[in-house]
Amino acid sequence: MPPFWSMALRGVCYKNVAIKAFVPEKMKILHSAIYATGID
């Protein structure tokens, strides 16, 4: 396996983990903003 391939694969894994960690936080912030403005 060439180094570039493993680096690319690792990058994709890190990106997926970051997205999974980030999206719920973003949704939580969005929901609390919606509740705060009263537009349920």
PDB file of N, CA and C in Angstrom:
ATOM      1  N   MET A   1       0.860  -1.197   0.000  1.00  0.00           N
ATOM      2  CA  MET A   1       0.000   0.000   0.000  1.00  0.00           C
ATOM      3  C   MET A   1       0.894   1.244   0.000  1.00  0.00           C
ATOM      4  N   PRO A   2       0.784   2.082  -1.011  1.00  0.00           N
ATOM      5  CA  PRO A   2       1.619   3.289  -1.062  1.00  0.00           C
ATOM      6  C   PRO A   2       1.259   4.270   0.053  1.00  0.00           C
ATOM      7  N   PRO A   3       2.232   5.037   0.515  1.00  0.00           N
ATOM      8  CA  PRO A   3       1.982   5.981   1.618  1.00  0.00           C
ATOM      9  C   PRO A   3       0.859   6.966   1.317  1.00  0.00           C
ATOM     10  N   PHE A   4       0.787   7.426   0.065  1.00  0.00           N
ATOM     11  CA  PHE A   4      -0.259   8.399  -0.273  1.00  0.00           C
ATOM     12  C   PHE A   4      -1.647   7.823  -0.027  1.00  0.00           C
ATOM     13  N   TRP A   5      -1.829   6.533  -0.393  1.00  0.00           N
ATOM     14  CA  TRP A   5      -3.136   5.902  -0.242  1.00  0.00           C
ATOM     15  C   TRP A   5      -3.540   5.832   1.225  1.00  0.00           C
ATOM     16  N   SER A   6      -2.594   5.441   2.082  1.00  0.00           N
ATOM     17  CA  SER A   6      -2.918   5.346   3.508  1.00  0.00           C
ATOM     18  C   SER A   6      -3.154   6.736   4.107  1.00  0.00           C
ATOM     19  N   MET A   7      -2.417   7.727   3.612  1.00  0.00           N
ATOM     20  CA  MET A   7      -2.641   9.099   4.082  1.00  0.00           C
ATOM     21  C   MET A   7      -4.018   9.593   3.674  1.00  0.00           C
ATOM     22  N   ALA A   8      -4.412   9.306   2.431  1.00  0.00           N
ATOM     23  CA  ALA A   8      -5.725   9.730   1.948  1.00  0.00           C
ATOM     24  C   ALA A   8      -6.827   9.031   2.734  1.00  0.00           C
ATOM     25  N   LEU A   9      -6.640   7.732   2.967  1.00  0.00           N
ATOM     26  CA  LEU A   9      -7.630   6.958   3.714  1.00  0.00           C
ATOM     27  C   LEU A   9      -7.771   7.497   5.135  1.00  0.00           C
ATOM     28  N   ARG A  10      -6.636   7.799   5.752  1.00  0.00           N
ATOM     29  CA  ARG A  10      -6.652   8.343   7.111  1.00  0.00           C
ATOM     30  C   ARG A  10      -7.362   9.694   7.130  1.00  0.00           C
ATOM     31  N   GLY A  11      -7.114  10.514   6.103  1.00  0.00           N
ATOM     32  CA  GLY A  11      -7.759  11.822   6.013  1.00  0.00           C
ATOM     33  C   GLY A  11      -9.266  11.695   5.929  1.00  0.00           C
ATOM     34  N   VAL A  12      -9.730  10.732   5.145  1.00  0.00           N
ATOM     35  CA  VAL A  12     -11.177  10.510   5.001  1.00  0.00           C
ATOM     36  C   VAL A  12     -11.779  10.073   6.333  1.00  0.00           C
ATOM     37  N   CYS A  13     -11.085   9.177   7.035  1.00  0.00           N
ATOM     38  CA  CYS A  13     -11.577   8.709   8.338  1.00  0.00           C
ATOM     39  C   CYS A  13     -11.665   9.860   9.326  1.00  0.00           C
ATOM     40  N   TYR A  14     -10.627  10.681   9.381  1.00  0.00           N
ATOM     41  CA  TYR A  14     -10.635  11.817  10.293  1.00  0.00           C
ATOM     42  C   TYR A  14     -11.773  12.766   9.958  1.00  0.00           C
ATOM     43  N   LYS A  15     -11.996  12.985   8.650  1.00  0.00           N
ATOM     44  CA  LYS A  15     -13.049  13.904   8.240  1.00  0.00           C
ATOM     45  C   LYS A  15     -14.415  13.368   8.652  1.00  0.00           C
ATOM     46  N   ASN A  16     -14.631  12.060   8.463  1.00  0.00           N
ATOM     47  CA  ASN A  16     -15.910  11.459   8.848  1.00  0.00           C
ATOM     48  C   ASN A  16     -16.145  11.565  10.344  1.00  0.00           C
ATOM     49  N   VAL A  17     -15.111  11.321  11.131  1.00  0.00           N
ATOM     50  CA  VAL A  17     -15.233  11.426  12.587  1.00  0.00           C
ATOM     51  C   VAL A  17     -15.533  12.865  12.983  1.00  0.00           C
ATOM     52  N   ALA A  18     -14.859  13.810  12.342  1.00  0.00           N
ATOM     53  CA  ALA A  18     -15.074  15.218  12.651  1.00  0.00           C
ATOM     54  C   ALA A  18     -16.505  15.628  12.317  1.00  0.00           C
ATOM     55  N   ILE A  19     -17.024  15.165  11.185  1.00  0.00           N
ATOM     56  CA  ILE A  19     -18.395  15.481  10.787  1.00  0.00           C
ATOM     57  C   ILE A  19     -19.385  14.889  11.783  1.00  0.00           C
ATOM     58  N   LYS A  20     -19.168  13.629  12.172  1.00  0.00           N
ATOM     59  CA  LYS A  20     -20.070  12.983  13.132  1.00  0.00           C
ATOM     60  C   LYS A  20     -20.061  13.695  14.473  1.00  0.00           C
ATOM     61  N   ALA A  21     -18.912  14.226  14.867  1.00  0.00           N
ATOM     62  CA  ALA A  21     -18.816  14.927  16.143  1.00  0.00           C
ATOM     63  C   ALA A  21     -19.415  16.329  16.032  1.00  0.00           C
ATOM     64  N   PHE A  22     -19.257  16.962  14.865  1.00  0.00           N
ATOM     65  CA  PHE A  22     -19.627  18.368  14.702  1.00  0.00           C
ATOM     66  C   PHE A  22     -21.111  18.565  14.423  1.00  0.00           C
ATOM     67  N   VAL A  23     -21.699  17.727  13.589  1.00  0.00           N
ATOM     68  CA  VAL A  23     -23.085  17.934  13.164  1.00  0.00           C
ATOM     69  C   VAL A  23     -24.074  17.944  14.335  1.00  0.00           C
ATOM     70  N   PRO A  24     -24.019  16.992  15.269  1.00  0.00           N
ATOM     71  CA  PRO A  24     -24.949  17.048  16.402  1.00  0.00           C
ATOM     72  C   PRO A  24     -24.815  18.338  17.213  1.00  0.00           C
ATOM     73  N   GLU A  25     -23.584  18.827  17.382  1.00  0.00           N
ATOM     74  CA  GLU A  25     -23.377  20.086  18.098  1.00  0.00           C
ATOM     75  C   GLU A  25     -24.069  21.225  17.364  1.00  0.00           C
ATOM     76  N   LYS A  26     -23.905  21.255  16.049  1.00  0.00           N
ATOM     77  CA  LYS A  26     -24.503  22.294  15.223  1.00  0.00           C
ATOM     78  C   LYS A  26     -26.028  22.240  15.328  1.00  0.00           C
ATOM     79  N   MET A  27     -26.585  21.027  15.290  1.00  0.00           N
ATOM     80  CA  MET A  27     -28.033  20.867  15.383  1.00  0.00           C
ATOM     81  C   MET A  27     -28.539  21.306  16.753  1.00  0.00           C
ATOM     82  N   LYS A  28     -27.778  21.009  17.800  1.00  0.00           N
ATOM     83  CA  LYS A  28     -28.171  21.416  19.154  1.00  0.00           C
ATOM     84  C   LYS A  28     -28.234  22.930  19.252  1.00  0.00           C
ATOM     85  N   ILE A  29     -27.215  23.595  18.699  1.00  0.00           N
ATOM     86  CA  ILE A  29     -27.166  25.057  18.717  1.00  0.00           C
ATOM     87  C   ILE A  29     -28.345  25.619  17.921  1.00  0.00           C
ATOM     88  N   LEU A  30     -28.619  25.017  16.773  1.00  0.00           N
ATOM     89  CA  LEU A  30     -29.720  25.457  15.923  1.00  0.00           C
ATOM     90  C   LEU A  30     -31.052  25.310  16.650  1.00  0.00           C
ATOM     91  N   HIS A  31     -31.264  24.161  17.299  1.00  0.00           N
ATOM     92  CA  HIS A  31     -32.515  23.922  18.025  1.00  0.00           C
ATOM     93  C   HIS A  31     -32.685  24.913  19.169  1.00  0.00           C
ATOM     94  N   SER A  32     -31.634  25.172  19.929  1.00  0.00           N
ATOM     95  CA  SER A  32     -31.768  26.107  21.040  1.00  0.00           C
ATOM     96  C   SER A  32     -32.012  27.520  20.522  1.00  0.00           C
ATOM     97  N   ALA A  33     -31.461  27.859  19.361  1.00  0.00           N
ATOM     98  CA  ALA A  33     -31.708  29.169  18.758  1.00  0.00           C
ATOM     99  C   ALA A  33     -33.171  29.277  18.336  1.00  0.00           C
ATOM    100  N   ILE A  34     -33.717  28.202  17.777  1.00  0.00           N
ATOM    101  CA  ILE A  34     -35.122  28.188  17.353  1.00  0.00           C
ATOM    102  C   ILE A  34     -36.041  28.313  18.568  1.00  0.00           C
ATOM    103  N   TYR A  35     -35.743  27.557  19.630  1.00  0.00           N
ATOM    104  CA  TYR A  35     -36.569  27.637  20.841  1.00  0.00           C
ATOM    105  C   TYR A  35     -36.481  29.027  21.463  1.00  0.00           C
ATOM    106  N   ALA A  36     -35.308  29.633  21.429  1.00  0.00           N
ATOM    107  CA  ALA A  36     -35.111  30.952  22.027  1.00  0.00           C
ATOM    108  C   ALA A  36     -35.937  32.009  21.300  1.00  0.00           C
ATOM    109  N   THR A  37     -36.062  31.876  19.984  1.00  0.00           N
ATOM    110  CA  THR A  37     -36.836  32.860  19.220  1.00  0.00           C
ATOM    111  C   THR A  37     -38.315  32.508  19.188  1.00  0.00           C
ATOM    112  N   GLY A  38     -38.671  31.298  19.626  1.00  0.00           N
ATOM    113  CA  GLY A  38     -40.071  30.904  19.719  1.00  0.00           C
ATOM    114  C   GLY A  38     -40.679  30.457  18.400  1.00  0.00           C
ATOM    115  N   ILE A  39     -39.843  30.180  17.385  1.00  0.00           N
ATOM    116  CA  ILE A  39     -40.363  29.677  16.106  1.00  0.00           C
ATOM    117  C   ILE A  39     -40.278  28.169  16.143  1.00  0.00           C
ATOM    118  N   ASP A  40     -41.135  27.481  16.814  1.00  0.00           N
ATOM    119  CA  ASP A  40     -40.948  26.040  16.913  1.00  0.00           C
ATOM    120  C   ASP A  40     -41.266  25.396  15.569  1.00  0.00           C
TER     121      ASP A  40
END
